[in-house]
Amino acid sequence: ENSRIPVIQHFKGVCHLFIDKYADLTKAVNILVNGKTQRPS
């Protein structure tokens, strides 16, 4: 809001995981657990 110079923005990371009906359940669980719990910050 205060810059007269171009700014590269990265407001936040709201990252989504979609488990499709054709998902491999083992992959799905591993990807969910790693994506959420490994480093939540």
PDB file of all heavy atoms in Angstrom:
ATOM      1  N   GLU A   1       0.813  -1.225   0.000  1.00  0.00           N
ATOM      2  CA  GLU A   1       0.000   0.000   0.000  1.00  0.00           C
ATOM      3  C   GLU A   1       0.844   1.272   0.000  1.00  0.00           C
ATOM      4  O   GLU A   1       0.382   2.326  -0.401  1.00  0.00           O
ATOM      5  CB  GLU A   1      -0.949  -0.011   1.218  1.00  0.00           C
ATOM      6  CG  GLU A   1      -2.141  -0.948   0.985  1.00  0.00           C
ATOM      7  CD  GLU A   1      -2.832  -1.372   2.271  1.00  0.00           C
ATOM      8  OE1 GLU A   1      -2.630  -0.691   3.307  1.00  0.00           O
ATOM      9  OE2 GLU A   1      -3.563  -2.384   2.240  1.00  0.00           O
ATOM     10  N   ASN A   2       2.096   1.177   0.471  1.00  0.00           N
ATOM     11  CA  ASN A   2       2.909   2.390   0.610  1.00  0.00           C
ATOM     12  C   ASN A   2       4.036   2.530  -0.405  1.00  0.00           C
ATOM     13  O   ASN A   2       4.778   3.506  -0.379  1.00  0.00           O
ATOM     14  CB  ASN A   2       3.495   2.460   2.027  1.00  0.00           C
ATOM     15  CG  ASN A   2       2.415   2.739   3.055  1.00  0.00           C
ATOM     16  OD1 ASN A   2       2.004   3.872   3.244  1.00  0.00           O
ATOM     17  ND2 ASN A   2       1.920   1.685   3.696  1.00  0.00           N
ATOM     18  N   SER A   3       4.175   1.552  -1.305  1.00  0.00           N
ATOM     19  CA  SER A   3       5.340   1.556  -2.188  1.00  0.00           C
ATOM     20  C   SER A   3       5.091   2.283  -3.505  1.00  0.00           C
ATOM     21  O   SER A   3       4.041   2.125  -4.124  1.00  0.00           O
ATOM     22  CB  SER A   3       5.759   0.120  -2.499  1.00  0.00           C
ATOM     23  OG  SER A   3       6.918   0.137  -3.303  1.00  0.00           O
ATOM     24  N   ARG A   4       6.081   3.073  -3.928  1.00  0.00           N
ATOM     25  CA  ARG A   4       6.059   3.662  -5.278  1.00  0.00           C
ATOM     26  C   ARG A   4       6.841   2.791  -6.257  1.00  0.00           C
ATOM     27  O   ARG A   4       6.989   3.119  -7.426  1.00  0.00           O
ATOM     28  CB  ARG A   4       6.699   5.052  -5.240  1.00  0.00           C
ATOM     29  CG  ARG A   4       5.873   6.047  -4.447  1.00  0.00           C
ATOM     30  CD  ARG A   4       6.457   7.440  -4.572  1.00  0.00           C
ATOM     31  NE  ARG A   4       5.845   8.336  -3.607  1.00  0.00           N
ATOM     32  CZ  ARG A   4       6.338   9.516  -3.278  1.00  0.00           C
ATOM     33  NH1 ARG A   4       7.476   9.927  -3.852  1.00  0.00           N
ATOM     34  NH2 ARG A   4       5.735  10.273  -2.406  1.00  0.00           N
ATOM     35  N   ILE A   5       7.408   1.715  -5.733  1.00  0.00           N
ATOM     36  CA  ILE A   5       8.255   0.797  -6.511  1.00  0.00           C
ATOM     37  C   ILE A   5       7.458  -0.494  -6.692  1.00  0.00           C
ATOM     38  O   ILE A   5       6.690  -0.866  -5.803  1.00  0.00           O
ATOM     39  CB  ILE A   5       9.546   0.500  -5.703  1.00  0.00           C
ATOM     40  CG1 ILE A   5      10.259   1.811  -5.314  1.00  0.00           C
ATOM     41  CG2 ILE A   5      10.500  -0.402  -6.474  1.00  0.00           C
ATOM     42  CD1 ILE A   5      11.216   1.658  -4.137  1.00  0.00           C
ATOM     43  N   PRO A   6       7.598  -1.195  -7.839  1.00  0.00           N
ATOM     44  CA  PRO A   6       6.894  -2.480  -7.990  1.00  0.00           C
ATOM     45  C   PRO A   6       7.219  -3.438  -6.836  1.00  0.00           C
ATOM     46  O   PRO A   6       8.364  -3.505  -6.384  1.00  0.00           O
ATOM     47  CB  PRO A   6       7.424  -3.033  -9.315  1.00  0.00           C
ATOM     48  CG  PRO A   6       7.887  -1.833 -10.070  1.00  0.00           C
ATOM     49  CD  PRO A   6       8.364  -0.845  -9.051  1.00  0.00           C
ATOM     50  N   VAL A   7       6.187  -4.162  -6.372  1.00  0.00           N
ATOM     51  CA  VAL A   7       6.340  -5.083  -5.238  1.00  0.00           C
ATOM     52  C   VAL A   7       5.988  -6.496  -5.695  1.00  0.00           C
ATOM     53  O   VAL A   7       4.992  -6.707  -6.379  1.00  0.00           O
ATOM     54  CB  VAL A   7       5.376  -4.690  -4.082  1.00  0.00           C
ATOM     55  CG1 VAL A   7       5.492  -5.676  -2.917  1.00  0.00           C
ATOM     56  CG2 VAL A   7       5.657  -3.268  -3.612  1.00  0.00           C
ATOM     57  N   ILE A   8       6.827  -7.465  -5.322  1.00  0.00           N
ATOM     58  CA  ILE A   8       6.468  -8.872  -5.516  1.00  0.00           C
ATOM     59  C   ILE A   8       5.726  -9.304  -4.257  1.00  0.00           C
ATOM     60  O   ILE A   8       6.270  -9.228  -3.160  1.00  0.00           O
ATOM     61  CB  ILE A   8       7.731  -9.747  -5.708  1.00  0.00           C
ATOM     62  CG1 ILE A   8       8.400  -9.447  -7.050  1.00  0.00           C
ATOM     63  CG2 ILE A   8       7.392 -11.218  -5.563  1.00  0.00           C
ATOM     64  CD1 ILE A   8       7.867 -10.181  -8.247  1.00  0.00           C
ATOM     65  N   GLN A   9       4.480  -9.764  -4.428  1.00  0.00           N
ATOM     66  CA  GLN A   9       3.650 -10.066  -3.259  1.00  0.00           C
ATOM     67  C   GLN A   9       3.553 -11.557  -2.995  1.00  0.00           C
ATOM     68  O   GLN A   9       3.529 -12.359  -3.913  1.00  0.00           O
ATOM     69  CB  GLN A   9       2.232  -9.527  -3.478  1.00  0.00           C
ATOM     70  CG  GLN A   9       2.199  -8.032  -3.587  1.00  0.00           C
ATOM     71  CD  GLN A   9       0.920  -7.535  -4.220  1.00  0.00           C
ATOM     72  OE1 GLN A   9       0.099  -8.314  -4.682  1.00  0.00           O
ATOM     73  NE2 GLN A   9       0.744  -6.237  -4.221  1.00  0.00           N
ATOM     74  N   HIS A  10       3.490 -11.879  -1.708  1.00  0.00           N
ATOM     75  CA  HIS A  10       3.215 -13.252  -1.298  1.00  0.00           C
ATOM     76  C   HIS A  10       2.492 -13.121   0.029  1.00  0.00           C
ATOM     77  O   HIS A  10       3.096 -13.127   1.084  1.00  0.00           O
ATOM     78  CB  HIS A  10       4.537 -14.017  -1.169  1.00  0.00           C
ATOM     79  CG  HIS A  10       4.400 -15.314  -0.402  1.00  0.00           C
ATOM     80  ND1 HIS A  10       5.456 -15.890   0.246  1.00  0.00           N
ATOM     81  CD2 HIS A  10       3.333 -16.106  -0.179  1.00  0.00           C
ATOM     82  CE1 HIS A  10       5.032 -17.011   0.842  1.00  0.00           C
ATOM     83  NE2 HIS A  10       3.750 -17.153   0.602  1.00  0.00           N
ATOM     84  N   PHE A  11       1.174 -12.890  -0.045  1.00  0.00           N
ATOM     85  CA  PHE A  11       0.411 -12.599   1.170  1.00  0.00           C
ATOM     86  C   PHE A  11       0.347 -13.798   2.101  1.00  0.00           C
ATOM     87  O   PHE A  11       0.632 -13.712   3.270  1.00  0.00           O
ATOM     88  CB  PHE A  11      -1.008 -12.130   0.843  1.00  0.00           C
ATOM     89  CG  PHE A  11      -1.043 -10.725   0.347  1.00  0.00           C
ATOM     90  CD1 PHE A  11      -1.463 -10.426  -0.939  1.00  0.00           C
ATOM     91  CD2 PHE A  11      -0.618  -9.692   1.172  1.00  0.00           C
ATOM     92  CE1 PHE A  11      -1.482  -9.106  -1.395  1.00  0.00           C
ATOM     93  CE2 PHE A  11      -0.632  -8.378   0.724  1.00  0.00           C
ATOM     94  CZ  PHE A  11      -1.063  -8.094  -0.566  1.00  0.00           C
ATOM     95  N   LYS A  12      -0.100 -14.941   1.568  1.00  0.00           N
ATOM     96  CA  LYS A  12      -0.168 -16.116   2.429  1.00  0.00           C
ATOM     97  C   LYS A  12      -0.258 -17.372   1.585  1.00  0.00           C
ATOM     98  O   LYS A  12      -0.460 -17.309   0.372  1.00  0.00           O
ATOM     99  CB  LYS A  12      -1.353 -16.030   3.398  1.00  0.00           C
ATOM    100  CG  LYS A  12      -2.704 -15.794   2.760  1.00  0.00           C
ATOM    101  CD  LYS A  12      -3.754 -15.622   3.858  1.00  0.00           C
ATOM    102  CE  LYS A  12      -5.139 -15.402   3.272  1.00  0.00           C
ATOM    103  NZ  LYS A  12      -6.154 -15.283   4.314  1.00  0.00           N
ATOM    104  N   GLY A  13      -0.094 -18.500   2.252  1.00  0.00           N
ATOM    105  CA  GLY A  13      -0.166 -19.775   1.550  1.00  0.00           C
ATOM    106  C   GLY A  13      -1.353 -20.579   2.044  1.00  0.00           C
ATOM    107  O   GLY A  13      -1.237 -21.296   3.027  1.00  0.00           O
ATOM    108  N   VAL A  14      -2.501 -20.424   1.376  1.00  0.00           N
ATOM    109  CA  VAL A  14      -3.632 -21.296   1.699  1.00  0.00           C
ATOM    110  C   VAL A  14      -3.597 -22.425   0.664  1.00  0.00           C
ATOM    111  O   VAL A  14      -4.123 -22.300  -0.436  1.00  0.00           O
ATOM    112  CB  VAL A  14      -4.982 -20.543   1.656  1.00  0.00           C
ATOM    113  CG1 VAL A  14      -6.140 -21.481   2.012  1.00  0.00           C
ATOM    114  CG2 VAL A  14      -4.955 -19.359   2.616  1.00  0.00           C
ATOM    115  N   CYS A  15      -2.881 -23.504   1.016  1.00  0.00           N
ATOM    116  CA  CYS A  15      -2.637 -24.585   0.053  1.00  0.00           C
ATOM    117  C   CYS A  15      -3.699 -25.675   0.208  1.00  0.00           C
ATOM    118  O   CYS A  15      -4.047 -26.056   1.328  1.00  0.00           O
ATOM    119  CB  CYS A  15      -1.252 -25.176   0.283  1.00  0.00           C
ATOM    120  SG  CYS A  15       0.066 -23.944   0.140  1.00  0.00           S
ATOM    121  N   HIS A  16      -4.222 -26.149  -0.933  1.00  0.00           N
ATOM    122  CA  HIS A  16      -5.295 -27.142  -0.946  1.00  0.00           C
ATOM    123  C   HIS A  16      -4.796 -28.504  -1.417  1.00  0.00           C
ATOM    124  O   HIS A  16      -3.956 -28.574  -2.319  1.00  0.00           O
ATOM    125  CB  HIS A  16      -6.419 -26.704  -1.902  1.00  0.00           C
ATOM    126  CG  HIS A  16      -7.129 -25.459  -1.472  1.00  0.00           C
ATOM    127  ND1 HIS A  16      -6.638 -24.201  -1.772  1.00  0.00           N
ATOM    128  CD2 HIS A  16      -8.276 -25.279  -0.760  1.00  0.00           C
ATOM    129  CE1 HIS A  16      -7.468 -23.293  -1.263  1.00  0.00           C
ATOM    130  NE2 HIS A  16      -8.460 -23.914  -0.648  1.00  0.00           N
ATOM    131  N   LEU A  17      -5.375 -29.546  -0.816  1.00  0.00           N
ATOM    132  CA  LEU A  17      -5.149 -30.914  -1.274  1.00  0.00           C
ATOM    133  C   LEU A  17      -6.522 -31.474  -1.661  1.00  0.00           C
ATOM    134  O   LEU A  17      -7.453 -31.451  -0.846  1.00  0.00           O
ATOM    135  CB  LEU A  17      -4.539 -31.750  -0.140  1.00  0.00           C
ATOM    136  CG  LEU A  17      -4.446 -33.264  -0.371  1.00  0.00           C
ATOM    137  CD1 LEU A  17      -3.485 -33.580  -1.516  1.00  0.00           C
ATOM    138  CD2 LEU A  17      -3.989 -33.969   0.909  1.00  0.00           C
ATOM    139  N   PHE A  18      -6.657 -31.941  -2.906  1.00  0.00           N
ATOM    140  CA  PHE A  18      -7.924 -32.545  -3.343  1.00  0.00           C
ATOM    141  C   PHE A  18      -7.730 -34.048  -3.510  1.00  0.00           C
ATOM    142  O   PHE A  18      -6.913 -34.488  -4.314  1.00  0.00           O
ATOM    143  CB  PHE A  18      -8.392 -31.900  -4.661  1.00  0.00           C
ATOM    144  CG  PHE A  18      -9.569 -32.610  -5.300  1.00  0.00           C
ATOM    145  CD1 PHE A  18     -10.646 -33.067  -4.535  1.00  0.00           C
ATOM    146  CD2 PHE A  18      -9.605 -32.825  -6.680  1.00  0.00           C
ATOM    147  CE1 PHE A  18     -11.725 -33.740  -5.118  1.00  0.00           C
ATOM    148  CE2 PHE A  18     -10.687 -33.488  -7.277  1.00  0.00           C
ATOM    149  CZ  PHE A  18     -11.742 -33.947  -6.491  1.00  0.00           C
ATOM    150  N   ILE A  19      -8.486 -34.814  -2.712  1.00  0.00           N
ATOM    151  CA  ILE A  19      -8.456 -36.271  -2.828  1.00  0.00           C
ATOM    152  C   ILE A  19      -9.583 -36.657  -3.783  1.00  0.00           C
ATOM    153  O   ILE A  19     -10.775 -36.628  -3.426  1.00  0.00           O
ATOM    154  CB  ILE A  19      -8.686 -36.941  -1.438  1.00  0.00           C
ATOM    155  CG1 ILE A  19      -7.757 -36.352  -0.367  1.00  0.00           C
ATOM    156  CG2 ILE A  19      -8.527 -38.460  -1.551  1.00  0.00           C
ATOM    157  CD1 ILE A  19      -6.283 -36.508  -0.629  1.00  0.00           C
ATOM    158  N   ASP A  20      -9.199 -36.994  -5.005  1.00  0.00           N
ATOM    159  CA  ASP A  20     -10.177 -37.324  -6.047  1.00  0.00           C
ATOM    160  C   ASP A  20     -10.767 -38.725  -5.808  1.00  0.00           C
ATOM    161  O   ASP A  20     -10.175 -39.530  -5.083  1.00  0.00           O
ATOM    162  CB  ASP A  20      -9.452 -37.259  -7.407  1.00  0.00           C
ATOM    163  CG  ASP A  20     -10.389 -37.516  -8.576  1.00  0.00           C
ATOM    164  OD1 ASP A  20     -11.566 -37.104  -8.497  1.00  0.00           O
ATOM    165  OD2 ASP A  20      -9.947 -38.133  -9.570  1.00  0.00           O
ATOM    166  N   LYS A  21     -11.868 -39.013  -6.460  1.00  0.00           N
ATOM    167  CA  LYS A  21     -12.483 -40.343  -6.251  1.00  0.00           C
ATOM    168  C   LYS A  21     -11.595 -41.460  -6.819  1.00  0.00           C
ATOM    169  O   LYS A  21     -11.739 -42.620  -6.439  1.00  0.00           O
ATOM    170  CB  LYS A  21     -13.891 -40.394  -6.843  1.00  0.00           C
ATOM    171  CG  LYS A  21     -13.989 -40.336  -8.364  1.00  0.00           C
ATOM    172  CD  LYS A  21     -15.454 -40.514  -8.768  1.00  0.00           C
ATOM    173  CE  LYS A  21     -15.641 -40.388 -10.265  1.00  0.00           C
ATOM    174  NZ  LYS A  21     -17.071 -40.503 -10.634  1.00  0.00           N
ATOM    175  N   TYR A  22     -10.673 -41.107  -7.704  1.00  0.00           N
ATOM    176  CA  TYR A  22      -9.758 -42.115  -8.263  1.00  0.00           C
ATOM    177  C   TYR A  22      -8.403 -42.101  -7.550  1.00  0.00           C
ATOM    178  O   TYR A  22      -7.388 -42.483  -8.122  1.00  0.00           O
ATOM    179  CB  TYR A  22      -9.561 -41.880  -9.762  1.00  0.00           C
ATOM    180  CG  TYR A  22     -10.845 -41.931 -10.554  1.00  0.00           C
ATOM    181  CD1 TYR A  22     -11.352 -40.792 -11.186  1.00  0.00           C
ATOM    182  CD2 TYR A  22     -11.573 -43.120 -10.656  1.00  0.00           C
ATOM    183  CE1 TYR A  22     -12.549 -40.837 -11.901  1.00  0.00           C
ATOM    184  CE2 TYR A  22     -12.769 -43.169 -11.368  1.00  0.00           C
ATOM    185  CZ  TYR A  22     -13.251 -42.031 -11.986  1.00  0.00           C
ATOM    186  OH  TYR A  22     -14.433 -42.079 -12.685  1.00  0.00           O
ATOM    187  N   ALA A  23      -8.365 -41.622  -6.312  1.00  0.00           N
ATOM    188  CA  ALA A  23      -7.096 -41.520  -5.581  1.00  0.00           C
ATOM    189  C   ALA A  23      -6.630 -42.890  -5.093  1.00  0.00           C
ATOM    190  O   ALA A  23      -7.445 -43.761  -4.781  1.00  0.00           O
ATOM    191  CB  ALA A  23      -7.261 -40.591  -4.382  1.00  0.00           C
ATOM    192  N   ASP A  24      -5.315 -43.049  -5.020  1.00  0.00           N
ATOM    193  CA  ASP A  24      -4.699 -44.174  -4.318  1.00  0.00           C
ATOM    194  C   ASP A  24      -4.686 -43.774  -2.838  1.00  0.00           C
ATOM    195  O   ASP A  24      -4.059 -42.779  -2.463  1.00  0.00           O
ATOM    196  CB  ASP A  24      -3.283 -44.367  -4.866  1.00  0.00           C
ATOM    197  CG  ASP A  24      -2.496 -45.424  -4.105  1.00  0.00           C
ATOM    198  OD1 ASP A  24      -2.521 -45.407  -2.855  1.00  0.00           O
ATOM    199  OD2 ASP A  24      -1.827 -46.242  -4.751  1.00  0.00           O
ATOM    200  N   LEU A  25      -5.379 -44.517  -1.979  1.00  0.00           N
ATOM    201  CA  LEU A  25      -5.578 -44.098  -0.585  1.00  0.00           C
ATOM    202  C   LEU A  25      -4.266 -44.026   0.213  1.00  0.00           C
ATOM    203  O   LEU A  25      -4.108 -43.162   1.072  1.00  0.00           O
ATOM    204  CB  LEU A  25      -6.579 -45.020   0.117  1.00  0.00           C
ATOM    205  CG  LEU A  25      -8.026 -44.898  -0.384  1.00  0.00           C
ATOM    206  CD1 LEU A  25      -8.943 -45.850   0.362  1.00  0.00           C
ATOM    207  CD2 LEU A  25      -8.539 -43.467  -0.260  1.00  0.00           C
ATOM    208  N   THR A  26      -3.331 -44.914  -0.080  1.00  0.00           N
ATOM    209  CA  THR A  26      -2.049 -44.878   0.640  1.00  0.00           C
ATOM    210  C   THR A  26      -1.299 -43.592   0.314  1.00  0.00           C
ATOM    211  O   THR A  26      -0.802 -42.887   1.207  1.00  0.00           O
ATOM    212  CB  THR A  26      -1.180 -46.101   0.244  1.00  0.00           C
ATOM    213  OG1 THR A  26      -1.965 -47.271   0.413  1.00  0.00           O
ATOM    214  CG2 THR A  26       0.057 -46.187   1.119  1.00  0.00           C
ATOM    215  N   LYS A  27      -1.237 -43.278  -0.971  1.00  0.00           N
ATOM    216  CA  LYS A  27      -0.586 -42.020  -1.383  1.00  0.00           C
ATOM    217  C   LYS A  27      -1.311 -40.835  -0.742  1.00  0.00           C
ATOM    218  O   LYS A  27      -0.687 -39.896  -0.239  1.00  0.00           O
ATOM    219  CB  LYS A  27      -0.628 -41.851  -2.910  1.00  0.00           C
ATOM    220  CG  LYS A  27       0.258 -42.804  -3.689  1.00  0.00           C
ATOM    221  CD  LYS A  27       0.084 -42.576  -5.190  1.00  0.00           C
ATOM    222  CE  LYS A  27       0.762 -43.684  -5.993  1.00  0.00           C
ATOM    223  NZ  LYS A  27       0.417 -43.593  -7.416  1.00  0.00           N
ATOM    224  N   ALA A  28      -2.648 -40.888  -0.775  1.00  0.00           N
ATOM    225  CA  ALA A  28      -3.452 -39.769  -0.276  1.00  0.00           C
ATOM    226  C   ALA A  28      -3.167 -39.492   1.204  1.00  0.00           C
ATOM    227  O   ALA A  28      -2.960 -38.342   1.606  1.00  0.00           O
ATOM    228  CB  ALA A  28      -4.936 -40.059  -0.490  1.00  0.00           C
ATOM    229  N   VAL A  29      -3.141 -40.546   2.015  1.00  0.00           N
ATOM    230  CA  VAL A  29      -2.896 -40.372   3.456  1.00  0.00           C
ATOM    231  C   VAL A  29      -1.477 -39.833   3.694  1.00  0.00           C
ATOM    232  O   VAL A  29      -1.273 -38.900   4.475  1.00  0.00           O
ATOM    233  CB  VAL A  29      -3.123 -41.696   4.220  1.00  0.00           C
ATOM    234  CG1 VAL A  29      -2.667 -41.566   5.676  1.00  0.00           C
ATOM    235  CG2 VAL A  29      -4.607 -42.086   4.174  1.00  0.00           C
ATOM    236  N   ASN A  30      -0.501 -40.412   3.007  1.00  0.00           N
ATOM    237  CA  ASN A  30       0.897 -39.962   3.200  1.00  0.00           C
ATOM    238  C   ASN A  30       1.087 -38.508   2.805  1.00  0.00           C
ATOM    239  O   ASN A  30       1.774 -37.736   3.487  1.00  0.00           O
ATOM    240  CB  ASN A  30       1.865 -40.832   2.386  1.00  0.00           C
ATOM    241  CG  ASN A  30       1.968 -42.236   2.958  1.00  0.00           C
ATOM    242  OD1 ASN A  30       1.614 -42.465   4.113  1.00  0.00           O
ATOM    243  ND2 ASN A  30       2.440 -43.175   2.155  1.00  0.00           N
ATOM    244  N   ILE A  31       0.477 -38.121   1.684  1.00  0.00           N
ATOM    245  CA  ILE A  31       0.618 -36.744   1.186  1.00  0.00           C
ATOM    246  C   ILE A  31      -0.088 -35.761   2.125  1.00  0.00           C
ATOM    247  O   ILE A  31       0.421 -34.669   2.392  1.00  0.00           O
ATOM    248  CB  ILE A  31       0.096 -36.654  -0.270  1.00  0.00           C
ATOM    249  CG1 ILE A  31       1.104 -37.335  -1.214  1.00  0.00           C
ATOM    250  CG2 ILE A  31      -0.157 -35.210  -0.699  1.00  0.00           C
ATOM    251  CD1 ILE A  31       0.583 -37.578  -2.626  1.00  0.00           C
ATOM    252  N   LEU A  32      -1.232 -36.167   2.667  1.00  0.00           N
ATOM    253  CA  LEU A  32      -1.954 -35.324   3.627  1.00  0.00           C
ATOM    254  C   LEU A  32      -1.122 -35.128   4.900  1.00  0.00           C
ATOM    255  O   LEU A  32      -0.923 -34.000   5.366  1.00  0.00           O
ATOM    256  CB  LEU A  32      -3.301 -35.964   3.966  1.00  0.00           C
ATOM    257  CG  LEU A  32      -4.064 -35.356   5.153  1.00  0.00           C
ATOM    258  CD1 LEU A  32      -4.414 -33.888   4.884  1.00  0.00           C
ATOM    259  CD2 LEU A  32      -5.332 -36.146   5.467  1.00  0.00           C
ATOM    260  N   VAL A  33      -0.638 -36.228   5.464  1.00  0.00           N
ATOM    261  CA  VAL A  33       0.102 -36.146   6.739  1.00  0.00           C
ATOM    262  C   VAL A  33       1.393 -35.345   6.566  1.00  0.00           C
ATOM    263  O   VAL A  33       1.706 -34.461   7.377  1.00  0.00           O
ATOM    264  CB  VAL A  33       0.389 -37.566   7.293  1.00  0.00           C
ATOM    265  CG1 VAL A  33       1.346 -37.505   8.479  1.00  0.00           C
ATOM    266  CG2 VAL A  33      -0.923 -38.227   7.716  1.00  0.00           C
ATOM    267  N   ASN A  34       2.125 -35.600   5.489  1.00  0.00           N
ATOM    268  CA  ASN A  34       3.368 -34.861   5.259  1.00  0.00           C
ATOM    269  C   ASN A  34       3.099 -33.382   5.019  1.00  0.00           C
ATOM    270  O   ASN A  34       3.748 -32.501   5.601  1.00  0.00           O
ATOM    271  CB  ASN A  34       4.113 -35.472   4.062  1.00  0.00           C
ATOM    272  CG  ASN A  34       5.456 -34.802   3.802  1.00  0.00           C
ATOM    273  OD1 ASN A  34       5.597 -34.015   2.871  1.00  0.00           O
ATOM    274  ND2 ASN A  34       6.448 -35.085   4.628  1.00  0.00           N
ATOM    275  N   GLY A  35       2.081 -33.099   4.184  1.00  0.00           N
ATOM    276  CA  GLY A  35       1.765 -31.716   3.827  1.00  0.00           C
ATOM    277  C   GLY A  35       1.285 -30.893   5.011  1.00  0.00           C
ATOM    278  O   GLY A  35       1.524 -29.689   5.074  1.00  0.00           O
ATOM    279  N   LYS A  36       0.607 -31.537   5.988  1.00  0.00           N
ATOM    280  CA  LYS A  36       0.102 -30.786   7.143  1.00  0.00           C
ATOM    281  C   LYS A  36       1.078 -30.789   8.310  1.00  0.00           C
ATOM    282  O   LYS A  36       1.317 -29.755   8.925  1.00  0.00           O
ATOM    283  CB  LYS A  36      -1.245 -31.359   7.615  1.00  0.00           C
ATOM    284  CG  LYS A  36      -1.851 -30.653   8.827  1.00  0.00           C
ATOM    285  CD  LYS A  36      -2.331 -29.224   8.591  1.00  0.00           C
ATOM    286  CE  LYS A  36      -1.391 -28.119   8.933  1.00  0.00           C
ATOM    287  NZ  LYS A  36      -1.926 -26.759   8.711  1.00  0.00           N
ATOM    288  N   THR A  37       1.629 -31.961   8.640  1.00  0.00           N
ATOM    289  CA  THR A  37       2.290 -32.076   9.952  1.00  0.00           C
ATOM    290  C   THR A  37       3.803 -31.910   9.944  1.00  0.00           C
ATOM    291  O   THR A  37       4.384 -31.655  10.989  1.00  0.00           O
ATOM    292  CB  THR A  37       1.963 -33.437  10.614  1.00  0.00           C
ATOM    293  OG1 THR A  37       2.566 -34.489   9.839  1.00  0.00           O
ATOM    294  CG2 THR A  37       0.458 -33.667  10.682  1.00  0.00           C
ATOM    295  N   GLN A  38       4.466 -32.066   8.784  1.00  0.00           N
ATOM    296  CA  GLN A  38       5.932 -32.060   8.815  1.00  0.00           C
ATOM    297  C   GLN A  38       6.494 -30.727   9.298  1.00  0.00           C
ATOM    298  O   GLN A  38       7.399 -30.675  10.116  1.00  0.00           O
ATOM    299  CB  GLN A  38       6.502 -32.400   7.426  1.00  0.00           C
ATOM    300  CG  GLN A  38       7.993 -32.697   7.500  1.00  0.00           C
ATOM    301  CD  GLN A  38       8.746 -32.184   6.277  1.00  0.00           C
ATOM    302  OE1 GLN A  38       8.194 -31.494   5.432  1.00  0.00           O
ATOM    303  NE2 GLN A  38      10.013 -32.506   6.202  1.00  0.00           N
ATOM    304  N   ARG A  39       5.950 -29.623   8.763  1.00  0.00           N
ATOM    305  CA  ARG A  39       6.381 -28.312   9.248  1.00  0.00           C
ATOM    306  C   ARG A  39       5.252 -27.309   9.045  1.00  0.00           C
ATOM    307  O   ARG A  39       5.228 -26.554   8.075  1.00  0.00           O
ATOM    308  CB  ARG A  39       7.648 -27.872   8.483  1.00  0.00           C
ATOM    309  CG  ARG A  39       8.271 -26.645   9.120  1.00  0.00           C
ATOM    310  CD  ARG A  39       9.722 -26.460   8.768  1.00  0.00           C
ATOM    311  NE  ARG A  39      10.059 -25.076   9.084  1.00  0.00           N
ATOM    312  CZ  ARG A  39      10.509 -24.204   8.195  1.00  0.00           C
ATOM    313  NH1 ARG A  39      10.703 -24.574   6.950  1.00  0.00           N
ATOM    314  NH2 ARG A  39      10.786 -22.976   8.549  1.00  0.00           N
ATOM    315  N   PRO A  40       4.285 -27.304   9.974  1.00  0.00           N
ATOM    316  CA  PRO A  40       3.057 -26.522   9.758  1.00  0.00           C
ATOM    317  C   PRO A  40       3.281 -25.015   9.658  1.00  0.00           C
ATOM    318  O   PRO A  40       2.445 -24.307   9.110  1.00  0.00           O
ATOM    319  CB  PRO A  40       2.183 -26.873  10.969  1.00  0.00           C
ATOM    320  CG  PRO A  40       3.108 -27.447  11.976  1.00  0.00           C
ATOM    321  CD  PRO A  40       4.230 -28.080  11.224  1.00  0.00           C
ATOM    322  N   SER A  41       4.427 -24.511  10.162  1.00  0.00           N
ATOM    323  CA  SER A  41       4.672 -23.061  10.112  1.00  0.00           C
ATOM    324  C   SER A  41       5.106 -22.588   8.723  1.00  0.00           C
ATOM    325  O   SER A  41       5.190 -21.394   8.461  1.00  0.00           O
ATOM    326  CB  SER A  41       5.749 -22.676  11.124  1.00  0.00           C
ATOM    327  OG  SER A  41       6.973 -23.313  10.774  1.00  0.00           O
TER     328      SER A  41
END
